[in-house]
N, C-alpha and C. Protein backbone atom coordinates (compact mmCIF):
# COMPACT_ATOMS: atom_id res chain seq x y z
N UNK A 1 118.96 -143.02 -134.49
CA UNK A 1 118.64 -142.14 -133.40
C UNK A 1 118.70 -140.77 -133.80
N UNK A 2 119.68 -140.33 -134.54
CA UNK A 2 119.91 -138.89 -134.93
C UNK A 2 118.72 -138.49 -135.72
N UNK A 3 118.20 -139.10 -136.67
CA UNK A 3 117.11 -138.75 -137.44
C UNK A 3 115.82 -138.59 -136.61
N UNK A 4 115.62 -139.50 -135.69
CA UNK A 4 114.45 -139.49 -134.76
C UNK A 4 114.54 -138.16 -133.93
N UNK A 5 115.65 -137.88 -133.43
CA UNK A 5 115.79 -136.68 -132.63
C UNK A 5 115.57 -135.42 -133.43
N UNK A 6 116.08 -135.45 -134.67
CA UNK A 6 115.84 -134.33 -135.58
C UNK A 6 114.42 -134.18 -135.82
N UNK A 7 113.73 -135.27 -136.13
CA UNK A 7 112.23 -135.19 -136.47
C UNK A 7 111.43 -134.81 -135.30
N UNK A 8 111.83 -135.14 -134.07
CA UNK A 8 111.05 -134.75 -132.95
C UNK A 8 110.99 -133.21 -132.87
N UNK A 9 112.09 -132.54 -133.17
CA UNK A 9 112.07 -131.03 -133.12
C UNK A 9 111.15 -130.50 -134.18
N UNK A 10 110.95 -131.22 -135.31
CA UNK A 10 110.18 -130.80 -136.41
C UNK A 10 108.66 -130.68 -135.97
N UNK A 11 108.28 -131.56 -135.13
CA UNK A 11 106.84 -131.52 -134.64
C UNK A 11 106.44 -130.22 -133.90
N UNK A 12 107.45 -129.54 -133.41
CA UNK A 12 107.19 -128.33 -132.65
C UNK A 12 106.52 -127.30 -133.55
N UNK A 13 106.78 -127.34 -134.94
CA UNK A 13 106.21 -126.41 -135.81
C UNK A 13 104.63 -126.66 -135.99
N UNK A 14 104.16 -127.78 -135.63
CA UNK A 14 102.81 -128.05 -135.88
C UNK A 14 101.82 -127.83 -134.74
N UNK A 15 102.46 -127.55 -133.54
CA UNK A 15 101.62 -127.26 -132.38
C UNK A 15 100.82 -126.01 -132.60
N UNK A 16 101.34 -124.91 -132.95
CA UNK A 16 100.55 -123.66 -133.12
C UNK A 16 99.89 -123.49 -134.57
N UNK A 17 99.18 -124.62 -134.89
CA UNK A 17 98.44 -124.43 -136.18
C UNK A 17 96.91 -124.62 -135.90
N UNK A 18 96.20 -124.10 -136.82
CA UNK A 18 94.76 -124.25 -136.59
C UNK A 18 94.23 -125.66 -136.56
N UNK A 19 95.00 -126.54 -137.15
CA UNK A 19 94.63 -128.00 -137.30
C UNK A 19 94.81 -128.78 -135.92
N UNK A 20 95.78 -128.20 -135.12
CA UNK A 20 96.19 -128.89 -133.77
C UNK A 20 94.97 -128.79 -132.78
N UNK A 21 94.79 -129.71 -132.12
CA UNK A 21 93.62 -129.62 -131.11
C UNK A 21 94.02 -129.07 -129.72
N UNK A 22 95.18 -128.53 -129.59
CA UNK A 22 95.46 -127.96 -128.34
C UNK A 22 94.59 -126.58 -128.21
N UNK A 23 94.46 -126.23 -126.99
CA UNK A 23 93.63 -124.99 -126.65
C UNK A 23 94.24 -123.70 -127.37
N UNK A 24 93.42 -122.75 -127.67
CA UNK A 24 93.96 -121.50 -128.21
C UNK A 24 94.87 -120.75 -127.15
N UNK A 25 94.54 -120.92 -125.85
CA UNK A 25 95.42 -120.41 -124.83
C UNK A 25 96.78 -121.02 -124.85
N UNK A 26 96.84 -122.37 -124.85
CA UNK A 26 98.07 -123.02 -124.96
C UNK A 26 98.85 -122.61 -126.14
N UNK A 27 98.18 -122.64 -127.28
CA UNK A 27 98.94 -122.17 -128.56
C UNK A 27 99.62 -120.74 -128.37
N UNK A 28 98.78 -119.78 -127.72
CA UNK A 28 99.37 -118.51 -127.54
C UNK A 28 100.53 -118.47 -126.63
N UNK A 29 100.49 -119.28 -125.54
CA UNK A 29 101.62 -119.39 -124.64
C UNK A 29 102.83 -119.97 -125.33
N UNK A 30 102.53 -120.96 -126.17
CA UNK A 30 103.57 -121.53 -127.02
C UNK A 30 104.26 -120.52 -127.90
N UNK A 31 103.43 -119.78 -128.65
CA UNK A 31 103.98 -118.66 -129.54
C UNK A 31 104.68 -117.60 -128.70
N UNK A 32 104.28 -117.32 -127.45
CA UNK A 32 104.85 -116.27 -126.69
C UNK A 32 106.20 -116.76 -125.97
N UNK A 33 106.50 -117.92 -126.05
CA UNK A 33 107.66 -118.52 -125.37
C UNK A 33 108.97 -118.03 -125.99
N UNK A 34 110.01 -118.17 -125.14
CA UNK A 34 111.29 -117.90 -125.69
C UNK A 34 112.20 -118.96 -125.37
N UNK A 35 113.41 -119.05 -125.91
CA UNK A 35 114.38 -120.21 -125.77
C UNK A 35 114.62 -120.34 -124.21
N UNK A 36 114.61 -119.28 -123.43
CA UNK A 36 114.96 -119.49 -122.02
C UNK A 36 113.74 -120.18 -121.27
N UNK A 37 112.67 -120.24 -121.89
CA UNK A 37 111.48 -120.88 -121.21
C UNK A 37 111.57 -122.46 -121.37
N UNK A 38 112.60 -122.95 -122.15
CA UNK A 38 112.77 -124.43 -122.18
C UNK A 38 113.70 -124.92 -121.17
N UNK A 39 113.37 -126.16 -120.64
CA UNK A 39 114.38 -126.61 -119.64
C UNK A 39 114.11 -128.24 -119.74
N UNK A 40 115.24 -128.89 -119.30
CA UNK A 40 115.23 -130.40 -119.19
C UNK A 40 114.62 -130.82 -117.92
N UNK A 41 113.70 -131.69 -117.95
CA UNK A 41 113.04 -132.29 -116.79
C UNK A 41 113.17 -133.76 -116.78
N UNK A 42 112.81 -134.47 -115.66
CA UNK A 42 112.82 -135.85 -115.57
C UNK A 42 111.45 -136.27 -115.94
N UNK A 43 111.24 -137.03 -117.00
CA UNK A 43 109.92 -137.38 -117.41
C UNK A 43 109.33 -138.51 -116.58
N UNK A 44 108.00 -138.72 -116.62
CA UNK A 44 107.31 -139.85 -115.79
C UNK A 44 107.98 -141.18 -115.99
N UNK A 45 108.58 -141.40 -117.19
CA UNK A 45 109.25 -142.81 -117.51
C UNK A 45 110.64 -142.70 -117.13
N UNK A 46 111.19 -141.71 -116.51
CA UNK A 46 112.54 -141.67 -116.07
C UNK A 46 113.59 -141.18 -116.99
N UNK A 47 113.14 -140.74 -118.13
CA UNK A 47 114.03 -140.25 -119.21
C UNK A 47 114.00 -138.73 -119.12
N UNK A 48 115.08 -137.99 -119.56
CA UNK A 48 115.05 -136.63 -119.60
C UNK A 48 114.14 -136.07 -120.71
N UNK A 49 113.47 -135.05 -120.43
CA UNK A 49 112.63 -134.50 -121.45
C UNK A 49 112.56 -132.98 -121.29
N UNK A 50 112.13 -132.37 -122.41
CA UNK A 50 112.05 -130.89 -122.42
C UNK A 50 110.76 -130.45 -121.86
N UNK A 51 110.71 -129.48 -121.04
CA UNK A 51 109.56 -128.94 -120.45
C UNK A 51 109.24 -127.75 -121.12
N UNK A 52 108.22 -127.38 -121.30
CA UNK A 52 107.35 -126.47 -121.88
C UNK A 52 106.71 -127.11 -123.08
N UNK A 53 107.41 -127.08 -124.20
CA UNK A 53 106.79 -127.61 -125.43
C UNK A 53 107.74 -128.13 -126.49
N UNK A 54 108.97 -127.98 -126.25
CA UNK A 54 110.00 -128.53 -127.25
C UNK A 54 110.94 -127.47 -127.46
N UNK A 55 112.08 -128.02 -128.00
CA UNK A 55 113.20 -127.02 -128.16
C UNK A 55 112.97 -125.91 -129.20
N UNK A 56 112.05 -126.06 -130.06
CA UNK A 56 111.87 -125.18 -131.06
C UNK A 56 110.53 -124.36 -130.96
N UNK A 57 109.84 -124.49 -129.82
CA UNK A 57 108.63 -123.70 -129.65
C UNK A 57 108.77 -122.28 -129.82
N UNK A 58 109.90 -121.68 -129.27
CA UNK A 58 110.09 -120.27 -129.42
C UNK A 58 110.17 -119.74 -130.83
N UNK A 59 110.37 -120.69 -131.77
CA UNK A 59 110.48 -120.24 -133.15
C UNK A 59 109.18 -119.89 -133.89
N UNK A 60 108.07 -120.28 -133.28
CA UNK A 60 106.79 -120.03 -133.80
C UNK A 60 106.38 -118.56 -133.36
N UNK A 61 105.80 -117.84 -134.36
CA UNK A 61 105.31 -116.57 -134.05
C UNK A 61 103.87 -116.25 -134.30
N UNK A 62 103.18 -117.22 -134.81
CA UNK A 62 101.70 -116.96 -135.03
C UNK A 62 101.03 -118.38 -135.22
N UNK A 63 99.75 -118.42 -135.10
CA UNK A 63 98.95 -119.64 -135.33
C UNK A 63 98.69 -119.66 -136.92
N UNK A 64 99.07 -120.71 -137.54
CA UNK A 64 98.96 -120.78 -138.96
C UNK A 64 98.43 -122.21 -139.31
N UNK A 65 98.20 -122.38 -140.65
CA UNK A 65 97.75 -123.67 -141.12
C UNK A 65 98.98 -124.57 -141.29
N UNK A 66 98.63 -125.94 -141.41
CA UNK A 66 99.57 -126.92 -141.64
C UNK A 66 100.22 -126.72 -142.92
N UNK A 67 99.41 -126.29 -143.94
CA UNK A 67 99.84 -125.97 -145.28
C UNK A 67 100.87 -124.91 -145.35
N UNK A 68 100.72 -123.85 -144.51
CA UNK A 68 101.72 -122.82 -144.37
C UNK A 68 102.94 -123.26 -143.72
N UNK A 69 102.89 -124.05 -142.74
CA UNK A 69 104.01 -124.68 -142.00
C UNK A 69 104.92 -125.50 -142.94
N UNK A 70 104.23 -126.36 -143.73
CA UNK A 70 104.94 -127.16 -144.74
C UNK A 70 105.58 -126.33 -145.81
N UNK A 71 104.86 -125.34 -146.30
CA UNK A 71 105.48 -124.43 -147.23
C UNK A 71 106.71 -123.80 -146.74
N UNK A 72 106.68 -123.33 -145.44
CA UNK A 72 107.79 -122.64 -144.88
C UNK A 72 108.90 -123.63 -144.68
N UNK A 73 108.66 -124.75 -144.24
CA UNK A 73 109.65 -125.91 -144.12
C UNK A 73 110.37 -126.26 -145.44
N UNK A 74 109.57 -126.26 -146.52
CA UNK A 74 110.12 -126.64 -147.81
C UNK A 74 111.04 -125.42 -148.24
N UNK A 75 110.60 -124.19 -147.98
CA UNK A 75 111.31 -123.10 -148.42
C UNK A 75 112.65 -122.95 -147.63
N UNK A 76 112.60 -123.30 -146.31
CA UNK A 76 113.87 -123.33 -145.52
C UNK A 76 114.82 -124.39 -145.98
N UNK A 77 114.23 -125.46 -146.19
CA UNK A 77 115.03 -126.68 -146.83
C UNK A 77 115.71 -126.37 -148.08
N UNK A 78 115.06 -125.74 -149.06
CA UNK A 78 115.64 -125.37 -150.28
C UNK A 78 116.71 -124.31 -150.13
N UNK A 79 116.47 -123.35 -149.25
CA UNK A 79 117.39 -122.38 -148.87
C UNK A 79 118.71 -122.92 -148.41
N UNK A 80 118.46 -123.80 -147.40
CA UNK A 80 119.71 -124.50 -146.82
C UNK A 80 120.47 -125.27 -147.87
N UNK A 81 119.66 -125.96 -148.72
CA UNK A 81 120.24 -126.84 -149.73
C UNK A 81 121.10 -125.96 -150.70
N UNK A 82 120.59 -124.82 -151.12
CA UNK A 82 121.29 -123.95 -152.07
C UNK A 82 122.60 -123.38 -151.33
N UNK A 83 122.46 -123.07 -150.05
CA UNK A 83 123.62 -122.55 -149.37
C UNK A 83 124.69 -123.55 -149.16
N UNK A 84 124.32 -124.81 -148.95
CA UNK A 84 125.35 -125.82 -148.84
C UNK A 84 125.78 -126.40 -150.16
N UNK A 85 125.35 -125.84 -151.27
CA UNK A 85 125.74 -126.40 -152.59
C UNK A 85 125.53 -127.87 -152.87
N UNK A 86 124.34 -128.33 -152.42
CA UNK A 86 123.91 -129.82 -152.51
C UNK A 86 123.53 -129.95 -154.04
């Protein structure tokens, strides 16, 4: 469960990409969001869910390519790995 929850947050990085089929207006709202714009809601299936776009939506600052997102994720991983002395 822990890995699944962690990976679900990872998908937030791919919403504001040129490859995502969301509308440009939605992508811009996503980018302009802040952490205070996120809230927990009751989903249609009765489980709690995050409303607006995900816990990490506010971390996006521009529309970019999937290639750029993956490069940034790799760089962040390597930086965290070096800091933790893995």
